[in-house]
């Protein structure tokens, strides 16, 4: 088993923005890591406290991810931290080494881990 991390920000707290950003992030993670959807064990989302219009997991269900366990949590609040941010942790059955995984940080979340954002 291996894990993949990622994050993306949204401009507004709307269901549409949250769904669009979640799908964009997930598609990029699947593409860059050449994932087989059936190998995904679970996906854990966290969102900052200023996002409350929708669950990111609902967007993933709309994409046909029906068997993996999904969970949404509120990110711990830290003063001066990035706002309107969706973070994800994906656990995948497979034998990739962590240094072979492509973590994905998009939009304002690039600032969280710029080393993973190059070339995306």
Protein backbone atom coordinates (compact mmCIF):
# COMPACT_ATOMS: atom_id res chain seq x y z
CA UNK A 1 0.00 0.00 0.00
CA UNK A 2 1.11 3.57 -0.64
CA UNK A 3 -0.30 7.04 -0.04
CA UNK A 4 -0.72 10.11 -2.20
CA UNK A 5 -1.23 13.66 -0.91
CA UNK A 6 -2.63 16.71 -2.58
CA UNK A 7 -4.38 20.02 -2.08
CA UNK A 8 -6.17 22.74 -3.99
CA UNK A 9 -7.81 26.04 -3.14
CA UNK A 10 -11.14 27.47 -4.28
CA UNK A 11 -12.07 31.08 -4.93
CA UNK A 12 -15.49 30.88 -3.28
CA UNK A 13 -17.32 28.65 -0.83
CA UNK A 14 -19.90 27.28 -3.25
CA UNK A 15 -20.89 23.71 -3.97
CA UNK A 16 -19.91 24.22 -7.61
CA UNK A 17 -16.42 25.55 -6.78
CA UNK A 18 -15.77 22.78 -4.25
CA UNK A 19 -16.91 20.05 -6.67
CA UNK A 20 -14.96 21.50 -9.60
CA UNK A 21 -11.75 21.85 -7.59
CA UNK A 22 -12.09 18.39 -6.02
CA UNK A 23 -12.57 16.76 -9.42
CA UNK A 24 -9.65 18.72 -10.92
CA UNK A 25 -7.34 17.63 -8.11
CA UNK A 26 -8.46 14.00 -8.19
CA UNK A 27 -8.16 13.71 -11.99
CA UNK A 28 -4.63 15.13 -11.87
CA UNK A 29 -3.60 12.71 -9.10
CA UNK A 30 -5.03 9.73 -11.02
CA UNK A 31 -3.35 10.85 -14.25
CA UNK A 32 0.12 11.58 -12.83
CA UNK A 33 0.19 8.39 -10.76
CA UNK A 34 -1.38 6.16 -13.44
CA UNK A 35 -3.88 4.88 -10.87
CA UNK A 36 -6.37 2.10 -11.36
CA UNK A 37 -9.53 3.29 -9.56
CA UNK A 38 -10.18 -0.23 -8.23
CA UNK A 39 -6.89 -0.07 -6.30
CA UNK A 40 -7.99 2.93 -4.21
CA UNK A 41 -8.70 1.79 -0.65
CA UNK A 42 -9.85 5.09 0.84
CA UNK A 43 -9.80 8.83 0.34
CA UNK A 44 -9.70 11.25 3.26
CA UNK A 45 -10.47 14.92 2.63
CA UNK A 46 -9.95 17.81 4.98
CA UNK A 47 -11.25 21.30 4.34
CA UNK A 48 -10.53 24.57 6.05
CA UNK A 49 -13.25 25.93 8.33
CA UNK A 50 -14.30 28.51 5.74
CA UNK A 51 -15.57 25.79 3.37
CA UNK A 52 -19.00 24.54 4.37
CA UNK A 53 -21.12 24.43 1.21
CA UNK A 54 -20.37 20.83 0.18
CA UNK A 55 -18.50 17.64 0.98
CA UNK A 56 -15.60 16.99 -1.44
CA UNK A 57 -16.37 13.27 -1.21
CA UNK A 58 -19.72 13.86 -2.90
CA UNK A 59 -17.88 15.11 -6.01
CA UNK A 60 -15.80 11.93 -6.06
CA UNK A 61 -18.93 9.76 -5.77
CA UNK A 62 -20.30 11.60 -8.81
CA UNK A 63 -17.18 10.45 -10.69
CA UNK A 64 -18.09 6.81 -10.07
CA UNK A 65 -15.87 6.06 -7.10
CA UNK A 66 -18.42 3.89 -5.30
CA UNK A 67 -16.47 1.21 -3.45
CA UNK A 68 -13.59 3.11 -1.83
CA UNK A 69 -14.23 4.46 1.65
CA UNK A 70 -14.49 8.25 1.69
CA UNK A 71 -14.35 10.62 4.63
CA UNK A 72 -14.41 14.41 5.06
CA UNK A 73 -12.97 16.25 8.06
CA UNK A 74 -12.38 19.84 9.07
CA UNK A 75 -8.72 20.83 8.91
CA UNK A 76 -7.16 22.01 12.15
CA UNK A 77 -7.28 25.81 12.37
CA UNK A 78 -3.89 27.52 12.56
CA UNK A 79 -3.62 31.30 12.54
CA UNK A 80 -2.52 32.77 9.20
CA UNK A 81 -2.90 29.43 7.45
CA UNK A 82 -4.09 28.99 3.88
CA UNK A 83 -7.81 29.64 3.48
CA UNK A 84 -10.43 27.90 1.31
CA UNK A 85 -8.24 24.82 0.96
CA UNK A 86 -9.20 21.21 0.24
CA UNK A 87 -6.57 18.64 1.19
CA UNK A 88 -6.63 14.95 0.32
CA UNK A 89 -4.91 11.75 1.42
CA UNK A 90 -5.45 8.73 -0.83
CA UNK A 91 -4.48 5.20 0.23
CA UNK A 92 -3.86 2.85 -2.68
CA UNK A 93 -3.19 -0.87 -2.90
CA UNK A 94 0.04 -1.29 -4.82
CA UNK A 95 3.79 -1.50 -4.57
CA UNK A 96 4.97 2.00 -5.45
CA UNK A 97 7.67 3.43 -3.25
CA UNK A 98 6.91 6.85 -1.73
CA UNK A 99 9.62 8.47 -3.86
CA UNK A 100 7.77 7.22 -6.97
CA UNK A 101 4.48 8.88 -5.99
CA UNK A 102 3.45 12.19 -7.55
CA UNK A 103 1.82 14.35 -4.88
CA UNK A 104 -0.25 17.18 -6.39
CA UNK A 105 -0.68 20.74 -5.13
CA UNK A 106 -2.70 23.12 -7.29
CA UNK A 107 -3.72 26.80 -7.33
CA UNK A 108 -3.04 28.54 -3.98
CA UNK A 109 -2.05 25.22 -2.41
CA UNK A 110 1.20 25.30 -4.40
CA UNK A 111 2.55 27.36 -1.51
CA UNK A 112 2.08 24.43 0.86
CA UNK A 113 4.51 22.16 -1.00
CA UNK A 114 6.15 23.96 -3.93
CA UNK A 115 8.54 21.06 -4.47
CA UNK A 116 5.59 18.90 -5.57
CA UNK A 117 4.14 21.51 -7.90
CA UNK A 118 6.92 21.78 -10.44
CA UNK A 119 6.02 20.50 -13.88
CA UNK A 120 2.28 20.11 -13.17
